[in-house]
Amino acid sequence: TPMTDASGNAAVVIANTIRKIHAPVTAEILLPDDGYREFYWAEAESTALKPFDGVERLGNGRYRICIPATRLRTAAVLYAQKTPVPMLGLEVLRDEDAKSAATDRWTPLCRRGETIRVKVTGVNLPPGILRLRAFSDWKVDPAELRVSGDGKAVEQVYTVTLPEQSPLYEPENPCPLLAEFTDAAGKRSALCNAIVAVE
């Protein structure tokens, strides 16, 4: 059963019960009606947000979805929008052999003094400002991105440099990264967060 908001936008949780990479999957889902036009995919292992094109409308609220093999490791959320709302995704870009936190293999483990790259994706953003926030002694570049609000998806890769020493460090203590969008009136209308651990 999909979760819906007041505008009828829906979110469907899809789980991979075999817990390993699978072949591409085709499935049918039932949504409240036929009015959904935009679809986005968010995997459980990160807070990345990606457009999802593998959807076919069948009528009477039924939709056929085609999930590539690489898109569903454990679980994911399919967002279906009929009234577009601002949404953000955040992804720490790492090499496949990069270290992970001992307590969670999906949480990146960073070195003190390391510079990491963080991609923020925004959809349906009106004119405003997109920022990535971190601890006050971490350097984030660029400080902000002005968004024109032309309806196109926005992607920005930020560089984040961790200090060598910080009173905020604790071994394996998760450190937050926060993507934030504020509209032209200064109202914060979309948020997304992720964590990294520090050696």
Protein backbone atom coordinates (compact mmCIF):
# COMPACT_ATOMS: atom_id res chain seq x y z
CA THR A 1 0.00 0.00 0.00
CA PRO A 2 1.58 3.33 -1.01
CA MET A 3 1.94 6.19 1.42
CA THR A 4 0.40 9.41 0.09
CA ASP A 5 0.51 13.09 1.02
CA ALA A 6 -2.28 15.68 0.87
CA SER A 7 -1.56 16.34 -2.82
CA GLY A 8 -1.79 12.66 -3.70
CA ASN A 9 1.93 12.17 -4.25
CA ALA A 10 2.87 8.61 -3.35
CA ALA A 11 5.83 6.66 -1.99
CA VAL A 12 6.14 2.89 -2.40
CA VAL A 13 8.71 0.82 -0.49
CA ILE A 14 10.17 -2.03 -2.52
CA ALA A 15 12.25 -4.71 -0.78
CA ASN A 16 14.72 -7.25 -2.11
CA THR A 17 14.07 -10.28 0.09
CA ILE A 18 16.92 -12.40 -1.33
CA ARG A 19 19.45 -9.83 -0.03
CA LYS A 20 21.80 -10.05 -3.03
CA ILE A 21 22.11 -8.46 -6.45
CA HIS A 22 19.41 -9.88 -8.70
CA ALA A 23 18.61 -9.97 -12.40
CA PRO A 24 16.48 -7.10 -13.77
CA VAL A 25 12.94 -7.29 -12.39
CA THR A 26 9.60 -6.29 -13.91
CA ALA A 27 6.68 -5.86 -11.52
CA GLU A 28 3.26 -4.24 -11.38
CA ILE A 29 2.25 -1.84 -8.62
CA LEU A 30 -1.07 -0.23 -7.76
CA LEU A 31 -1.27 3.51 -7.08
CA PRO A 32 -4.38 5.55 -6.20
CA ASP A 33 -4.99 6.66 -9.83
CA ASP A 34 -3.49 7.24 -13.28
CA GLY A 35 -2.27 10.80 -12.65
CA TYR A 36 1.39 10.14 -11.82
CA ARG A 37 3.91 11.63 -14.26
CA GLU A 38 7.21 11.94 -12.40
CA PHE A 39 9.03 9.08 -10.69
CA TYR A 40 12.16 9.09 -8.54
CA TRP A 41 14.19 6.28 -6.98
CA ALA A 42 16.02 6.30 -3.64
CA GLU A 43 17.98 3.26 -2.46
CA ALA A 44 18.02 2.33 1.21
CA GLU A 45 21.83 2.26 1.30
CA SER A 46 22.21 5.98 0.66
CA THR A 47 20.25 9.21 0.45
CA ALA A 48 20.84 9.64 -3.29
CA LEU A 49 17.82 10.56 -5.42
CA LYS A 50 17.62 9.61 -9.10
CA PRO A 51 14.97 10.02 -11.80
CA PHE A 52 13.31 6.69 -12.55
CA ASP A 53 12.29 6.14 -16.16
CA GLY A 54 11.31 2.48 -16.08
CA VAL A 55 7.56 3.06 -15.60
CA GLU A 56 4.68 2.16 -17.93
CA ARG A 57 1.11 3.29 -17.21
CA LEU A 58 -1.36 0.41 -17.64
CA GLY A 59 -4.59 2.15 -16.55
CA ASN A 60 -6.83 1.95 -13.48
CA GLY A 61 -3.94 2.96 -11.22
CA ARG A 62 -1.73 0.09 -12.36
CA TYR A 63 1.87 0.74 -13.35
CA ARG A 64 4.54 -1.62 -14.63
CA ILE A 65 8.03 -0.87 -13.32
CA CYS A 66 11.31 -2.25 -14.66
CA ILE A 67 14.09 -2.31 -12.05
CA PRO A 68 17.67 -2.74 -13.35
CA ALA A 69 19.83 -5.28 -11.55
CA THR A 70 22.02 -2.61 -9.96
CA ARG A 71 19.15 -0.52 -8.55
CA LEU A 72 17.89 -2.75 -5.73
CA ARG A 73 20.35 -4.22 -3.23
CA THR A 74 18.23 -4.37 -0.08
CA ALA A 75 15.33 -1.93 -0.41
CA ALA A 76 14.33 1.31 -2.08
CA VAL A 77 11.57 3.90 -2.23
CA LEU A 78 9.82 4.74 -5.50
CA TYR A 79 8.44 8.29 -5.30
CA ALA A 80 5.52 8.96 -7.65
CA GLN A 81 4.52 12.60 -8.09
CA LYS A 82 1.39 14.05 -9.61
CA THR A 83 1.88 17.51 -8.07
CA PRO A 84 5.63 18.17 -8.25
CA VAL A 85 7.22 19.09 -4.93
CA PRO A 86 10.85 20.06 -4.22
CA MET A 87 13.05 17.06 -3.34
CA LEU A 88 16.75 16.64 -2.62
CA GLY A 89 19.16 13.73 -2.72
CA LEU A 90 22.68 13.56 -1.36
CA GLU A 91 25.43 11.10 -2.31
CA VAL A 92 29.01 10.84 -1.03
CA LEU A 93 31.05 9.95 -4.14
CA ARG A 94 33.60 7.26 -3.28
CA ASP A 95 35.70 4.65 -5.04
CA GLU A 96 34.39 1.10 -4.77
CA ASP A 97 37.36 0.08 -2.60
CA ALA A 98 36.94 3.03 -0.18
CA LYS A 99 36.66 2.20 3.50
CA SER A 100 33.36 2.00 5.35
CA ALA A 101 32.47 2.35 9.01
CA ALA A 102 32.93 -0.86 10.99
CA THR A 103 29.35 -0.70 12.22
CA ASP A 104 27.72 -0.05 8.82
CA ARG A 105 29.21 -0.90 5.44
CA TRP A 106 27.12 1.78 3.73
CA THR A 107 28.54 4.64 5.85
CA PRO A 108 31.72 6.11 4.31
CA LEU A 109 34.79 6.17 6.56
CA CYS A 110 36.90 9.29 5.96
CA ARG A 111 40.42 10.23 7.00
CA ARG A 112 41.20 13.37 8.94
CA GLY A 113 42.30 16.05 6.49
CA GLU A 114 40.71 14.22 3.54
CA THR A 115 38.77 16.03 0.83
CA ILE A 116 35.62 14.20 -0.26
CA ARG A 117 33.14 14.89 -3.04
CA VAL A 118 29.43 15.10 -2.31
CA LYS A 119 26.79 15.24 -5.05
CA VAL A 120 23.50 16.97 -4.28
CA THR A 121 20.57 16.43 -6.64
CA GLY A 122 17.49 18.66 -6.59
CA VAL A 123 14.23 18.25 -8.50
CA ASN A 124 11.26 20.61 -8.85
CA LEU A 125 13.14 23.44 -7.15
CA PRO A 126 11.78 26.99 -7.49
CA PRO A 127 14.21 29.94 -7.59
CA GLY A 128 16.38 29.91 -4.47
CA ILE A 129 19.65 28.77 -2.95
CA LEU A 130 21.06 25.27 -2.56
CA ARG A 131 23.62 24.68 0.19
CA LEU A 132 25.55 21.78 1.64
CA ARG A 133 26.23 22.13 5.36
CA ALA A 134 28.74 20.33 7.55
CA PHE A 135 30.47 20.95 10.89
CA SER A 136 31.61 24.57 11.25
CA ASP A 137 35.31 23.68 10.93
CA TRP A 138 34.81 21.63 7.73
CA LYS A 139 35.40 23.53 4.47
CA VAL A 140 32.58 23.23 1.92
CA ASP A 141 33.05 24.54 -1.64
CA PRO A 142 31.07 26.13 -3.19
CA ALA A 143 29.35 27.78 -0.25
CA GLU A 144 26.06 27.95 -2.13
CA LEU A 145 24.46 27.54 -5.55
CA ARG A 146 21.80 29.87 -6.92
CA VAL A 147 18.97 27.93 -8.55
CA SER A 148 17.04 29.52 -11.42
CA GLY A 149 13.91 27.44 -10.91
CA ASP A 150 13.51 26.57 -14.61
CA GLY A 151 12.09 23.15 -13.78
CA LYS A 152 15.17 21.16 -14.72
CA ALA A 153 16.89 18.79 -12.31
CA VAL A 154 19.88 20.38 -10.55
CA GLU A 155 23.10 18.54 -9.78
CA GLN A 156 26.00 20.06 -7.88
CA VAL A 157 29.16 18.34 -6.70
CA TYR A 158 30.61 19.95 -3.59
CA THR A 159 34.08 19.37 -2.20
CA VAL A 160 34.23 18.95 1.57
CA THR A 161 37.59 19.09 3.36
CA LEU A 162 37.82 17.65 6.84
CA PRO A 163 40.21 19.31 9.32
CA GLU A 164 43.22 17.41 10.62
CA GLN A 165 42.17 18.16 14.19
CA SER A 166 38.78 19.08 15.55
CA PRO A 167 37.12 19.13 18.98
CA LEU A 168 34.07 17.67 17.20
CA TYR A 169 35.81 14.41 16.30
CA GLU A 170 35.20 11.24 18.22
CA PRO A 171 36.30 7.81 16.97
CA GLU A 172 33.64 6.38 14.64
CA ASN A 173 31.27 9.17 15.60
CA PRO A 174 28.90 9.83 12.69
CA CYS A 175 29.32 13.32 11.27
CA PRO A 176 26.35 14.87 9.45
CA LEU A 177 26.15 16.37 5.99
CA LEU A 178 22.99 18.34 5.26
CA ALA A 179 21.71 19.47 1.86
CA GLU A 180 19.35 22.41 2.25
CA PHE A 181 17.26 24.39 -0.21
CA THR A 182 15.72 27.77 0.62
CA ASP A 183 13.34 29.53 -1.75
CA ALA A 184 13.43 33.20 -2.77
CA ALA A 185 11.49 34.15 0.36
CA GLY A 186 14.08 32.46 2.58
CA LYS A 187 11.82 29.54 3.46
CA ARG A 188 13.57 26.19 3.82
CA SER A 189 11.53 23.90 1.57
CA ALA A 190 13.69 20.80 1.04
CA LEU A 191 16.25 18.93 3.16
CA CYS A 192 18.32 15.78 2.86
CA ASN A 193 21.01 14.44 5.15
CA ALA A 194 23.70 11.76 5.19
CA ILE A 195 26.44 10.79 7.61
CA VAL A 196 30.10 9.90 7.33
CA ALA A 197 32.38 8.42 9.96
CA VAL A 198 35.92 9.68 10.62
CA GLU A 199 38.94 7.52 11.48
